[in-house]
Amino acid sequence: MGKSERTSGHGYERKVARWLRALGIPADRNLTETQQGNTGDVIGELRSWSQSGGNASRPGPRVVIQAKFRKTPSPWKGQQEADEAKSSPSDIAIGMCRRKGDQTLVTMRPETFGVLLKIAQQALAGKSEGWWEAMRNTVADMDETP
């Protein structure tokens, strides 16, 4: 991999981290990735919401993202590397791959996808019609979508 590929990959990792922060998830590029091997390109931390006041207080699971930005990235390799970078069973491994000039593809294991669907189902319980579309449009319109 040449210097220009590494540089564009680092820029994409920064963009993914900014996007997560815009969603309210504390996240940064993982600089130890280059020194210690596969530990995840971007690390975010979900927070548990306290029942009193709704403040994000308790640390929750980490989001371990393996970001790939190339002419022809491999989503399977990105997901495999994200799985290997997990340091705890509660970590959420995500692969994010983007071809130059194309949109980002997000990959995850079926168990993770099932949990996210269950959370979405619970969040939608009792919500008015159109809530999902409004939320999706809000995220899609963000300036920093990777």
Protein backbone atom coordinates (compact mmCIF):
# COMPACT_ATOMS: atom_id res chain seq x y z
CA MET A 1 0.00 0.00 0.00
CA GLY A 2 1.46 3.35 -1.08
CA LYS A 3 1.64 6.58 0.89
CA SER A 4 -1.32 8.15 -0.95
CA GLU A 5 -3.53 5.15 -0.09
CA ARG A 6 -2.51 5.35 3.57
CA THR A 7 -3.14 9.10 3.64
CA SER A 8 -6.60 8.78 2.10
CA GLY A 9 -7.35 5.91 4.52
CA HIS A 10 -6.38 8.09 7.50
CA GLY A 11 -8.61 10.88 6.18
CA TYR A 12 -11.51 8.47 5.90
CA GLU A 13 -10.93 7.26 9.48
CA ARG A 14 -11.06 10.90 10.65
CA LYS A 15 -14.29 11.41 8.73
CA VAL A 16 -15.87 8.31 10.33
CA ALA A 17 -14.83 9.53 13.81
CA ARG A 18 -16.31 13.02 13.13
CA TRP A 19 -19.54 11.42 11.92
CA LEU A 20 -19.87 9.34 15.09
CA ARG A 21 -19.22 12.42 17.24
CA ALA A 22 -21.91 14.29 15.27
CA LEU A 23 -24.28 11.45 16.22
CA GLY A 24 -23.38 12.06 19.87
CA ILE A 25 -21.06 9.06 20.24
CA PRO A 26 -17.63 9.89 21.68
CA ALA A 27 -15.17 8.53 19.08
CA ASP A 28 -11.59 8.99 17.93
CA ARG A 29 -9.14 7.46 15.52
CA ASN A 30 -7.21 4.69 17.20
CA LEU A 31 -3.57 5.68 16.74
CA THR A 32 -2.28 2.51 18.42
CA GLU A 33 -3.58 0.59 15.39
CA THR A 34 -0.37 1.42 13.51
CA GLN A 35 1.89 0.49 16.44
CA GLN A 36 0.23 -2.61 17.89
CA GLY A 37 -1.52 -4.12 14.91
CA ASN A 38 -5.23 -4.71 14.51
CA THR A 39 -6.96 -2.89 17.37
CA GLY A 40 -9.62 -1.12 15.28
CA ASP A 41 -9.27 2.06 13.19
CA VAL A 42 -11.95 4.08 14.99
CA ILE A 43 -13.13 3.46 18.55
CA GLY A 44 -16.40 4.89 19.84
CA GLU A 45 -18.11 4.38 23.16
CA LEU A 46 -21.84 4.08 23.62
CA ARG A 47 -23.20 5.52 26.83
CA SER A 48 -26.01 4.19 28.99
CA TRP A 49 -28.73 6.74 29.65
CA SER A 50 -29.51 7.33 33.30
CA GLN A 51 -33.15 7.12 34.29
CA SER A 52 -33.00 10.47 36.06
CA GLY A 53 -32.49 13.35 33.69
CA GLY A 54 -31.47 11.36 30.62
CA ASN A 55 -27.77 12.20 30.87
CA ALA A 56 -25.36 9.84 29.15
CA SER A 57 -23.44 8.77 32.20
CA ARG A 58 -22.34 5.15 32.43
CA PRO A 59 -19.92 3.77 29.86
CA GLY A 60 -21.51 1.22 27.60
CA PRO A 61 -20.07 -1.09 24.94
CA ARG A 62 -17.31 0.09 22.64
CA VAL A 63 -17.90 0.41 18.91
CA VAL A 64 -14.86 -0.96 17.08
CA ILE A 65 -14.84 0.16 13.46
CA GLN A 66 -12.47 -1.06 10.80
CA ALA A 67 -12.57 1.60 8.07
CA LYS A 68 -11.52 0.78 4.51
CA PHE A 69 -11.23 3.42 1.77
CA ARG A 70 -9.75 2.10 -1.44
CA LYS A 71 -10.39 1.60 -5.11
CA THR A 72 -11.77 -1.88 -4.36
CA PRO A 73 -12.10 -2.51 -0.59
CA SER A 74 -13.12 -5.90 0.71
CA PRO A 75 -16.14 -5.68 3.05
CA TRP A 76 -15.43 -9.24 4.24
CA LYS A 77 -11.86 -8.36 5.20
CA GLY A 78 -13.01 -5.17 6.93
CA GLN A 79 -15.56 -7.09 9.00
CA GLN A 80 -13.10 -9.85 9.82
CA GLU A 81 -10.53 -7.29 11.03
CA ALA A 82 -13.20 -5.52 13.12
CA ASP A 83 -14.17 -8.86 14.70
CA GLU A 84 -10.52 -9.59 15.51
CA ALA A 85 -10.04 -6.12 17.03
CA LYS A 86 -12.72 -6.64 19.68
CA SER A 87 -11.19 -6.68 23.15
CA SER A 88 -14.40 -7.64 24.95
CA PRO A 89 -17.46 -9.76 24.05
CA SER A 90 -19.61 -6.66 24.56
CA ASP A 91 -17.69 -4.68 21.88
CA ILE A 92 -19.65 -3.99 18.72
CA ALA A 93 -17.58 -4.82 15.62
CA ILE A 94 -18.45 -2.83 12.49
CA GLY A 95 -16.80 -2.75 9.08
CA MET A 96 -17.13 0.47 7.05
CA CYS A 97 -15.90 0.26 3.46
CA ARG A 98 -16.01 2.94 0.81
CA ARG A 99 -14.89 2.75 -2.77
CA LYS A 100 -13.51 5.93 -4.25
CA GLY A 101 -16.42 7.84 -5.79
CA ASP A 102 -19.06 5.61 -4.18
CA GLN A 103 -21.12 5.41 -0.99
CA THR A 104 -20.09 3.70 2.24
CA LEU A 105 -21.09 0.10 2.91
CA VAL A 106 -21.50 -0.87 6.58
CA THR A 107 -21.12 -4.52 7.59
CA MET A 108 -21.87 -6.32 10.84
CA ARG A 109 -22.56 -9.82 12.09
CA PRO A 110 -26.19 -11.06 12.13
CA GLU A 111 -26.23 -11.08 15.95
CA THR A 112 -25.33 -7.37 16.00
CA PHE A 113 -27.91 -6.60 13.33
CA GLY A 114 -30.57 -8.47 15.33
CA VAL A 115 -29.79 -6.47 18.47
CA LEU A 116 -30.01 -3.18 16.53
CA LEU A 117 -33.36 -4.21 15.02
CA LYS A 118 -34.67 -5.13 18.47
CA ILE A 119 -33.55 -1.74 19.86
CA ALA A 120 -35.19 0.04 16.91
CA GLN A 121 -38.40 -1.93 17.47
CA GLN A 122 -38.47 -0.93 21.14
CA ALA A 123 -37.70 2.71 20.29
CA LEU A 124 -40.56 2.79 17.78
CA ALA A 125 -43.10 1.39 20.23
CA GLY A 126 -45.67 4.09 20.83
CA LYS A 127 -44.11 6.54 18.33
CA SER A 128 -46.25 8.32 15.78
CA GLU A 129 -46.13 7.44 12.12
CA GLY A 130 -43.26 9.05 10.28
CA TRP A 131 -40.88 8.98 13.24
CA TRP A 132 -38.48 6.54 11.54
CA GLU A 133 -38.34 8.53 8.31
CA ALA A 134 -37.70 11.76 10.21
CA MET A 135 -34.82 10.17 12.14
CA ARG A 136 -33.35 8.58 9.01
CA ASN A 137 -33.53 11.88 7.11
CA THR A 138 -31.86 13.72 9.99
CA VAL A 139 -28.89 11.31 9.91
CA ALA A 140 -28.76 11.27 6.08
CA ASP A 141 -28.66 15.08 5.88
CA MET A 142 -25.65 15.41 8.18
CA ASP A 143 -22.71 17.19 6.58
CA GLU A 144 -20.18 14.60 7.71
CA THR A 145 -21.82 11.40 6.44
CA PRO A 146 -18.82 9.17 5.62
